[in-house]
Amino acid sequence: MRKLGIESRIYEYKTRNGAELRVYGKSAIELLRLIVPYLHHPIKRLRVELILMLRDGKIDRETLTTLYGLTKYGDSNNDPKRYHAVDALTRVAPQTHTHGEQSTNT
């Protein structure tokens, strides 16, 4: 990150076996500008674009809050990736039951 002129700190967590990269201020904005072309997830890309638009003065904080809020799931039960695993599995699982009487040909 230093080669890019971005100041950052890495915090290691031994209890949860991971690390966290923290970037603040102008360095954070520069990092966002660098990674935008590589963000393929549409919601994450939209969120970054909104933050950059605020920083560039294209939108105000109230507009950011409104638009950013639209990218969140208001009710976690409606999140398509959560709380619907059983429904999804029953839809894609092969149907093993039969309808009507079974054939007794042996």
C-alpha atoms as a PDB file:
ATOM      1  CA  MET A   1       0.000   0.000   0.000  1.00  0.00           C
ATOM      2  CA  ARG A   2       2.905   2.326   0.658  1.00  0.00           C
ATOM      3  CA  LYS A   3       3.966   2.011  -2.965  1.00  0.00           C
ATOM      4  CA  LEU A   4       0.603   3.466  -3.926  1.00  0.00           C
ATOM      5  CA  GLY A   5       0.941   6.275  -1.399  1.00  0.00           C
ATOM      6  CA  ILE A   6      -1.881   4.910   0.733  1.00  0.00           C
ATOM      7  CA  GLU A   7      -1.461   4.896   4.494  1.00  0.00           C
ATOM      8  CA  SER A   8      -2.996   1.911   6.215  1.00  0.00           C
ATOM      9  CA  ARG A   9      -2.687  -0.343   9.238  1.00  0.00           C
ATOM     10  CA  ILE A  10      -3.182  -4.064   9.564  1.00  0.00           C
ATOM     11  CA  TYR A  11      -4.638  -5.445  12.761  1.00  0.00           C
ATOM     12  CA  GLU A  12      -4.262  -9.167  13.409  1.00  0.00           C
ATOM     13  CA  TYR A  13      -6.807 -11.038  15.494  1.00  0.00           C
ATOM     14  CA  LYS A  14      -5.488 -14.205  17.035  1.00  0.00           C
ATOM     15  CA  THR A  15      -8.789 -15.074  18.689  1.00  0.00           C
ATOM     16  CA  ARG A  16     -10.722 -15.222  15.418  1.00  0.00           C
ATOM     17  CA  ASN A  17      -7.789 -16.158  13.188  1.00  0.00           C
ATOM     18  CA  GLY A  18      -7.911 -13.204  10.829  1.00  0.00           C
ATOM     19  CA  ALA A  19      -6.718  -9.734  10.039  1.00  0.00           C
ATOM     20  CA  GLU A  20      -8.277  -6.381   9.248  1.00  0.00           C
ATOM     21  CA  LEU A  21      -6.935  -3.678   6.966  1.00  0.00           C
ATOM     22  CA  ARG A  22      -7.931  -0.175   8.030  1.00  0.00           C
ATOM     23  CA  VAL A  23      -7.592   2.851   5.783  1.00  0.00           C
ATOM     24  CA  TYR A  24      -8.827   6.319   6.727  1.00  0.00           C
ATOM     25  CA  GLY A  25      -9.383   9.735   5.182  1.00  0.00           C
ATOM     26  CA  LYS A  26      -8.016  10.606   1.753  1.00  0.00           C
ATOM     27  CA  SER A  27      -6.146   7.324   1.628  1.00  0.00           C
ATOM     28  CA  ALA A  28      -9.420   5.437   1.910  1.00  0.00           C
ATOM     29  CA  ILE A  29     -10.928   7.421  -0.961  1.00  0.00           C
ATOM     30  CA  GLU A  30      -7.871   6.762  -3.129  1.00  0.00           C
ATOM     31  CA  LEU A  31      -8.094   3.051  -2.373  1.00  0.00           C
ATOM     32  CA  LEU A  32     -11.792   3.029  -3.323  1.00  0.00           C
ATOM     33  CA  ARG A  33     -10.977   4.757  -6.621  1.00  0.00           C
ATOM     34  CA  LEU A  34      -8.367   2.103  -7.360  1.00  0.00           C
ATOM     35  CA  ILE A  35     -10.592  -0.898  -6.638  1.00  0.00           C
ATOM     36  CA  VAL A  36     -13.840   0.255  -8.301  1.00  0.00           C
ATOM     37  CA  PRO A  37     -12.991  -1.333 -11.681  1.00  0.00           C
ATOM     38  CA  TYR A  38     -12.433  -4.672  -9.957  1.00  0.00           C
ATOM     39  CA  LEU A  39     -15.681  -4.778  -7.974  1.00  0.00           C
ATOM     40  CA  HIS A  40     -17.973  -7.221  -9.742  1.00  0.00           C
ATOM     41  CA  HIS A  41     -20.749  -7.407  -7.151  1.00  0.00           C
ATOM     42  CA  PRO A  42     -23.334  -4.825  -8.283  1.00  0.00           C
ATOM     43  CA  ILE A  43     -24.478  -3.754  -4.807  1.00  0.00           C
ATOM     44  CA  LYS A  44     -20.943  -3.309  -3.489  1.00  0.00           C
ATOM     45  CA  ARG A  45     -19.959  -1.368  -6.594  1.00  0.00           C
ATOM     46  CA  LEU A  46     -23.000   0.881  -6.270  1.00  0.00           C
ATOM     47  CA  ARG A  47     -22.189   1.602  -2.629  1.00  0.00           C
ATOM     48  CA  VAL A  48     -18.611   2.570  -3.495  1.00  0.00           C
ATOM     49  CA  GLU A  49     -19.805   4.764  -6.377  1.00  0.00           C
ATOM     50  CA  LEU A  50     -22.206   6.538  -4.002  1.00  0.00           C
ATOM     51  CA  ILE A  51     -19.420   7.212  -1.494  1.00  0.00           C
ATOM     52  CA  LEU A  52     -17.199   8.582  -4.250  1.00  0.00           C
ATOM     53  CA  MET A  53     -20.020  10.777  -5.560  1.00  0.00           C
ATOM     54  CA  LEU A  54     -20.441  12.253  -2.076  1.00  0.00           C
ATOM     55  CA  ARG A  55     -16.710  12.881  -1.837  1.00  0.00           C
ATOM     56  CA  ASP A  56     -16.658  14.546  -5.276  1.00  0.00           C
ATOM     57  CA  GLY A  57     -19.575  16.797  -4.338  1.00  0.00           C
ATOM     58  CA  LYS A  58     -21.998  15.315  -6.886  1.00  0.00           C
ATOM     59  CA  ILE A  59     -24.530  14.392  -4.193  1.00  0.00           C
ATOM     60  CA  ASP A  60     -25.158  15.613  -0.651  1.00  0.00           C
ATOM     61  CA  ARG A  61     -25.147  13.528   2.530  1.00  0.00           C
ATOM     62  CA  GLU A  62     -28.953  13.282   2.644  1.00  0.00           C
ATOM     63  CA  THR A  63     -29.063  11.889  -0.890  1.00  0.00           C
ATOM     64  CA  LEU A  64     -26.287   9.442  -0.009  1.00  0.00           C
ATOM     65  CA  THR A  65     -28.206   8.265   3.054  1.00  0.00           C
ATOM     66  CA  THR A  66     -31.377   7.763   1.014  1.00  0.00           C
ATOM     67  CA  LEU A  67     -29.720   5.945  -1.877  1.00  0.00           C
ATOM     68  CA  TYR A  68     -27.381   3.905   0.310  1.00  0.00           C
ATOM     69  CA  GLY A  69     -30.356   2.804   2.401  1.00  0.00           C
ATOM     70  CA  LEU A  70     -31.968   1.388  -0.728  1.00  0.00           C
ATOM     71  CA  THR A  71     -29.037  -0.999  -1.152  1.00  0.00           C
ATOM     72  CA  LYS A  72     -29.720  -2.637   2.203  1.00  0.00           C
ATOM     73  CA  TYR A  73     -32.277  -5.301   2.920  1.00  0.00           C
ATOM     74  CA  GLY A  74     -34.763  -3.725   5.285  1.00  0.00           C
ATOM     75  CA  ASP A  75     -36.121  -7.025   6.533  1.00  0.00           C
ATOM     76  CA  SER A  76     -33.511  -9.745   6.834  1.00  0.00           C
ATOM     77  CA  ASN A  77     -36.211 -12.354   6.184  1.00  0.00           C
ATOM     78  CA  ASN A  78     -36.478 -11.043   2.621  1.00  0.00           C
ATOM     79  CA  ASP A  79     -32.770 -11.422   1.964  1.00  0.00           C
ATOM     80  CA  PRO A  80     -32.619 -13.997  -0.842  1.00  0.00           C
ATOM     81  CA  LYS A  81     -29.406 -15.543   0.458  1.00  0.00           C
ATOM     82  CA  ARG A  82     -30.505 -16.007   4.067  1.00  0.00           C
ATOM     83  CA  TYR A  83     -33.305 -17.783   5.924  1.00  0.00           C
ATOM     84  CA  HIS A  84     -34.529 -19.571   2.804  1.00  0.00           C
ATOM     85  CA  ALA A  85     -32.136 -22.509   2.622  1.00  0.00           C
ATOM     86  CA  VAL A  86     -34.825 -25.155   3.179  1.00  0.00           C
ATOM     87  CA  ASP A  87     -37.082 -23.631   0.520  1.00  0.00           C
ATOM     88  CA  ALA A  88     -34.217 -23.467  -1.952  1.00  0.00           C
ATOM     89  CA  LEU A  89     -33.185 -27.051  -1.261  1.00  0.00           C
ATOM     90  CA  THR A  90     -36.702 -28.396  -1.723  1.00  0.00           C
ATOM     91  CA  ARG A  91     -36.982 -26.633  -5.059  1.00  0.00           C
ATOM     92  CA  VAL A  92     -33.731 -27.985  -6.460  1.00  0.00           C
ATOM     93  CA  ALA A  93     -33.769 -31.433  -4.852  1.00  0.00           C
ATOM     94  CA  PRO A  94     -34.738 -34.306  -7.145  1.00  0.00           C
ATOM     95  CA  GLN A  95     -38.281 -35.472  -6.656  1.00  0.00           C
ATOM     96  CA  THR A  96     -38.121 -38.981  -5.233  1.00  0.00           C
ATOM     97  CA  HIS A  97     -41.789 -39.543  -4.546  1.00  0.00           C
ATOM     98  CA  THR A  98     -44.253 -40.987  -7.061  1.00  0.00           C
ATOM     99  CA  HIS A  99     -47.723 -39.931  -7.899  1.00  0.00           C
ATOM    100  CA  GLY A 100     -50.506 -42.481  -8.218  1.00  0.00           C
ATOM    101  CA  GLU A 101     -50.087 -46.188  -7.797  1.00  0.00           C
ATOM    102  CA  GLN A 102     -46.743 -47.832  -8.192  1.00  0.00           C
ATOM    103  CA  SER A 103     -46.198 -50.396 -10.886  1.00  0.00           C
ATOM    104  CA  THR A 104     -45.836 -53.955  -9.552  1.00  0.00           C
ATOM    105  CA  ASN A 105     -44.100 -55.353 -12.631  1.00  0.00           C
ATOM    106  CA  THR A 106     -41.339 -57.687 -11.520  1.00  0.00           C
END
